[in-house]
Amino acid sequence: MSNQSSKLGKLYIIIVFALLYIPIIYLIVYSFSSGRQWLTSTGLA
């Protein structure tokens, strides 16, 4: 049981950190590129 909760805890922490860092990374990429060009090159616009 302890092993299962340990895996869930690690997964939870990974998800939380990913959710915290994805917007930061997105803003860094967006600010260093000309935003419209980056959006069209990734197919988001």
PDB file of N, CA and C in Angstrom:
ATOM      1  N   MET A   1       0.829  -1.202   0.000  1.00  0.00           N
ATOM      2  CA  MET A   1       0.000   0.000   0.000  1.00  0.00           C
ATOM      3  C   MET A   1       0.864   1.253   0.000  1.00  0.00           C
ATOM      4  N   SER A   2       1.933   1.219   0.764  1.00  0.00           N
ATOM      5  CA  SER A   2       2.813   2.384   0.828  1.00  0.00           C
ATOM      6  C   SER A   2       3.446   2.678  -0.525  1.00  0.00           C
ATOM      7  N   ASN A   3       3.807   1.613  -1.257  1.00  0.00           N
ATOM      8  CA  ASN A   3       4.410   1.794  -2.569  1.00  0.00           C
ATOM      9  C   ASN A   3       3.434   2.467  -3.528  1.00  0.00           C
ATOM     10  N   GLN A   4       2.167   2.073  -3.467  1.00  0.00           N
ATOM     11  CA  GLN A   4       1.156   2.654  -4.348  1.00  0.00           C
ATOM     12  C   GLN A   4       0.971   4.143  -4.038  1.00  0.00           C
ATOM     13  N   SER A   5       0.877   4.503  -2.764  1.00  0.00           N
ATOM     14  CA  SER A   5       0.683   5.905  -2.410  1.00  0.00           C
ATOM     15  C   SER A   5       1.925   6.724  -2.747  1.00  0.00           C
ATOM     16  N   SER A   6       3.097   6.099  -2.671  1.00  0.00           N
ATOM     17  CA  SER A   6       4.319   6.793  -3.049  1.00  0.00           C
ATOM     18  C   SER A   6       4.319   7.121  -4.538  1.00  0.00           C
ATOM     19  N   LYS A   7       3.865   6.158  -5.359  1.00  0.00           N
ATOM     20  CA  LYS A   7       3.785   6.409  -6.801  1.00  0.00           C
ATOM     21  C   LYS A   7       2.780   7.512  -7.098  1.00  0.00           C
ATOM     22  N   LEU A   8       1.635   7.479  -6.411  1.00  0.00           N
ATOM     23  CA  LEU A   8       0.624   8.511  -6.628  1.00  0.00           C
ATOM     24  C   LEU A   8       1.145   9.881  -6.195  1.00  0.00           C
ATOM     25  N   GLY A   9       1.902   9.909  -5.125  1.00  0.00           N
ATOM     26  CA  GLY A   9       2.467  11.169  -4.662  1.00  0.00           C
ATOM     27  C   GLY A   9       3.447  11.752  -5.660  1.00  0.00           C
ATOM     28  N   LYS A  10       4.301  10.899  -6.207  1.00  0.00           N
ATOM     29  CA  LYS A  10       5.260  11.370  -7.211  1.00  0.00           C
ATOM     30  C   LYS A  10       4.537  11.864  -8.459  1.00  0.00           C
ATOM     31  N   LEU A  11       3.520  11.131  -8.884  1.00  0.00           N
ATOM     32  CA  LEU A  11       2.751  11.530 -10.062  1.00  0.00           C
ATOM     33  C   LEU A  11       2.065  12.868  -9.821  1.00  0.00           C
ATOM     34  N   TYR A  12       1.504  13.047  -8.633  1.00  0.00           N
ATOM     35  CA  TYR A  12       0.834  14.297  -8.286  1.00  0.00           C
ATOM     36  C   TYR A  12       1.812  15.466  -8.329  1.00  0.00           C
ATOM     37  N   ILE A  13       3.001  15.282  -7.775  1.00  0.00           N
ATOM     38  CA  ILE A  13       3.998  16.351  -7.765  1.00  0.00           C
ATOM     39  C   ILE A  13       4.445  16.686  -9.183  1.00  0.00           C
ATOM     40  N   ILE A  14       4.638  15.663 -10.018  1.00  0.00           N
ATOM     41  CA  ILE A  14       5.033  15.906 -11.408  1.00  0.00           C
ATOM     42  C   ILE A  14       3.958  16.708 -12.132  1.00  0.00           C
ATOM     43  N   ILE A  15       2.696  16.340 -11.930  1.00  0.00           N
ATOM     44  CA  ILE A  15       1.603  17.060 -12.592  1.00  0.00           C
ATOM     45  C   ILE A  15       1.532  18.500 -12.104  1.00  0.00           C
ATOM     46  N   VAL A  16       1.668  18.711 -10.806  1.00  0.00           N
ATOM     47  CA  VAL A  16       1.604  20.066 -10.256  1.00  0.00           C
ATOM     48  C   VAL A  16       2.738  20.919 -10.809  1.00  0.00           C
ATOM     49  N   PHE A  17       3.964  20.387 -10.819  1.00  0.00           N
ATOM     50  CA  PHE A  17       5.081  21.155 -11.352  1.00  0.00           C
ATOM     51  C   PHE A  17       4.916  21.428 -12.837  1.00  0.00           C
ATOM     52  N   ALA A  18       4.402  20.463 -13.583  1.00  0.00           N
ATOM     53  CA  ALA A  18       4.166  20.675 -15.013  1.00  0.00           C
ATOM     54  C   ALA A  18       3.160  21.801 -15.211  1.00  0.00           C
ATOM     55  N   LEU A  19       2.077  21.792 -14.447  1.00  0.00           N
ATOM     56  CA  LEU A  19       1.066  22.841 -14.583  1.00  0.00           C
ATOM     57  C   LEU A  19       1.626  24.209 -14.197  1.00  0.00           C
ATOM     58  N   LEU A  20       2.567  24.236 -13.261  1.00  0.00           N
ATOM     59  CA  LEU A  20       3.165  25.513 -12.878  1.00  0.00           C
ATOM     60  C   LEU A  20       4.148  26.020 -13.929  1.00  0.00           C
ATOM     61  N   TYR A  21       4.908  25.109 -14.535  1.00  0.00           N
ATOM     62  CA  TYR A  21       5.964  25.533 -15.442  1.00  0.00           C
ATOM     63  C   TYR A  21       5.519  25.708 -16.879  1.00  0.00           C
ATOM     64  N   ILE A  22       4.472  25.027 -17.324  1.00  0.00           N
ATOM     65  CA  ILE A  22       4.028  25.167 -18.716  1.00  0.00           C
ATOM     66  C   ILE A  22       3.689  26.616 -19.068  1.00  0.00           C
ATOM     67  N   PRO A  23       2.919  27.350 -18.259  1.00  0.00           N
ATOM     68  CA  PRO A  23       2.646  28.750 -18.617  1.00  0.00           C
ATOM     69  C   PRO A  23       3.901  29.618 -18.621  1.00  0.00           C
ATOM     70  N   ILE A  24       4.832  29.348 -17.709  1.00  0.00           N
ATOM     71  CA  ILE A  24       6.066  30.131 -17.657  1.00  0.00           C
ATOM     72  C   ILE A  24       6.883  29.900 -18.921  1.00  0.00           C
ATOM     73  N   ILE A  25       7.047  28.636 -19.313  1.00  0.00           N
ATOM     74  CA  ILE A  25       7.800  28.317 -20.529  1.00  0.00           C
ATOM     75  C   ILE A  25       7.115  28.912 -21.745  1.00  0.00           C
ATOM     76  N   TYR A  26       5.774  28.825 -21.775  1.00  0.00           N
ATOM     77  CA  TYR A  26       5.029  29.387 -22.900  1.00  0.00           C
ATOM     78  C   TYR A  26       5.269  30.893 -23.003  1.00  0.00           C
ATOM     79  N   LEU A  27       5.224  31.595 -21.881  1.00  0.00           N
ATOM     80  CA  LEU A  27       5.428  33.045 -21.914  1.00  0.00           C
ATOM     81  C   LEU A  27       6.846  33.399 -22.333  1.00  0.00           C
ATOM     82  N   ILE A  28       7.840  32.618 -21.906  1.00  0.00           N
ATOM     83  CA  ILE A  28       9.222  32.876 -22.316  1.00  0.00           C
ATOM     84  C   ILE A  28       9.364  32.698 -23.816  1.00  0.00           C
ATOM     85  N   VAL A  29       8.844  31.595 -24.342  1.00  0.00           N
ATOM     86  CA  VAL A  29       8.926  31.342 -25.786  1.00  0.00           C
ATOM     87  C   VAL A  29       8.178  32.425 -26.543  1.00  0.00           C
ATOM     88  N   TYR A  30       7.012  32.788 -26.055  1.00  0.00           N
ATOM     89  CA  TYR A  30       6.182  33.787 -26.730  1.00  0.00           C
ATOM     90  C   TYR A  30       6.863  35.155 -26.737  1.00  0.00           C
ATOM     91  N   SER A  31       7.535  35.507 -25.637  1.00  0.00           N
ATOM     92  CA  SER A  31       8.137  36.831 -25.555  1.00  0.00           C
ATOM     93  C   SER A  31       9.419  36.933 -26.376  1.00  0.00           C
ATOM     94  N   PHE A  32      10.147  35.818 -26.549  1.00  0.00           N
ATOM     95  CA  PHE A  32      11.395  35.880 -27.299  1.00  0.00           C
ATOM     96  C   PHE A  32      11.215  35.690 -28.794  1.00  0.00           C
ATOM     97  N   SER A  33      10.049  35.238 -29.212  1.00  0.00           N
ATOM     98  CA  SER A  33       9.787  35.125 -30.642  1.00  0.00           C
ATOM     99  C   SER A  33       8.740  36.160 -31.010  1.00  0.00           C
ATOM    100  N   SER A  34       8.607  36.431 -32.295  1.00  0.00           N
ATOM    101  CA  SER A  34       7.492  37.273 -32.689  1.00  0.00           C
ATOM    102  C   SER A  34       6.265  36.380 -32.589  1.00  0.00           C
ATOM    103  N   GLY A  35       5.407  36.692 -31.655  1.00  0.00           N
ATOM    104  CA  GLY A  35       4.346  35.785 -31.249  1.00  0.00           C
ATOM    105  C   GLY A  35       3.515  35.228 -32.376  1.00  0.00           C
ATOM    106  N   ARG A  36       3.124  36.051 -33.324  1.00  0.00           N
ATOM    107  CA  ARG A  36       2.262  35.586 -34.407  1.00  0.00           C
ATOM    108  C   ARG A  36       2.982  34.539 -35.251  1.00  0.00           C
ATOM    109  N   GLN A  37       4.259  34.745 -35.516  1.00  0.00           N
ATOM    110  CA  GLN A  37       5.017  33.788 -36.327  1.00  0.00           C
ATOM    111  C   GLN A  37       5.109  32.438 -35.614  1.00  0.00           C
ATOM    112  N   TRP A  38       5.332  32.452 -34.292  1.00  0.00           N
ATOM    113  CA  TRP A  38       5.438  31.202 -33.548  1.00  0.00           C
ATOM    114  C   TRP A  38       4.109  30.461 -33.552  1.00  0.00           C
ATOM    115  N   LEU A  39       3.023  31.200 -33.380  1.00  0.00           N
ATOM    116  CA  LEU A  39       1.719  30.556 -33.356  1.00  0.00           C
ATOM    117  C   LEU A  39       1.387  29.918 -34.699  1.00  0.00           C
ATOM    118  N   THR A  40       1.711  30.600 -35.790  1.00  0.00           N
ATOM    119  CA  THR A  40       1.385  30.033 -37.097  1.00  0.00           C
ATOM    120  C   THR A  40       2.302  28.856 -37.419  1.00  0.00           C
ATOM    121  N   SER A  41       3.545  28.891 -36.962  1.00  0.00           N
ATOM    122  CA  SER A  41       4.459  27.793 -37.270  1.00  0.00           C
ATOM    123  C   SER A  41       4.078  26.523 -36.513  1.00  0.00           C
ATOM    124  N   THR A  42       3.435  26.665 -35.352  1.00  0.00           N
ATOM    125  CA  THR A  42       3.014  25.482 -34.607  1.00  0.00           C
ATOM    126  C   THR A  42       1.597  25.066 -34.972  1.00  0.00           C
ATOM    127  N   GLY A  43       0.935  25.855 -35.789  1.00  0.00           N
ATOM    128  CA  GLY A  43      -0.408  25.505 -36.218  1.00  0.00           C
ATOM    129  C   GLY A  43      -1.484  25.856 -35.214  1.00  0.00           C
ATOM    130  N   LEU A  44      -1.167  26.720 -34.269  1.00  0.00           N
ATOM    131  CA  LEU A  44      -2.158  27.084 -33.262  1.00  0.00           C
ATOM    132  C   LEU A  44      -3.038  28.246 -33.700  1.00  0.00           C
ATOM    133  N   ALA A  45      -2.620  28.953 -34.745  1.00  0.00           N
ATOM    134  CA  ALA A  45      -3.416  30.102 -35.187  1.00  0.00           C
ATOM    135  C   ALA A  45      -3.926  29.874 -36.598  1.00  0.00           C
TER     136      ALA A  45
END
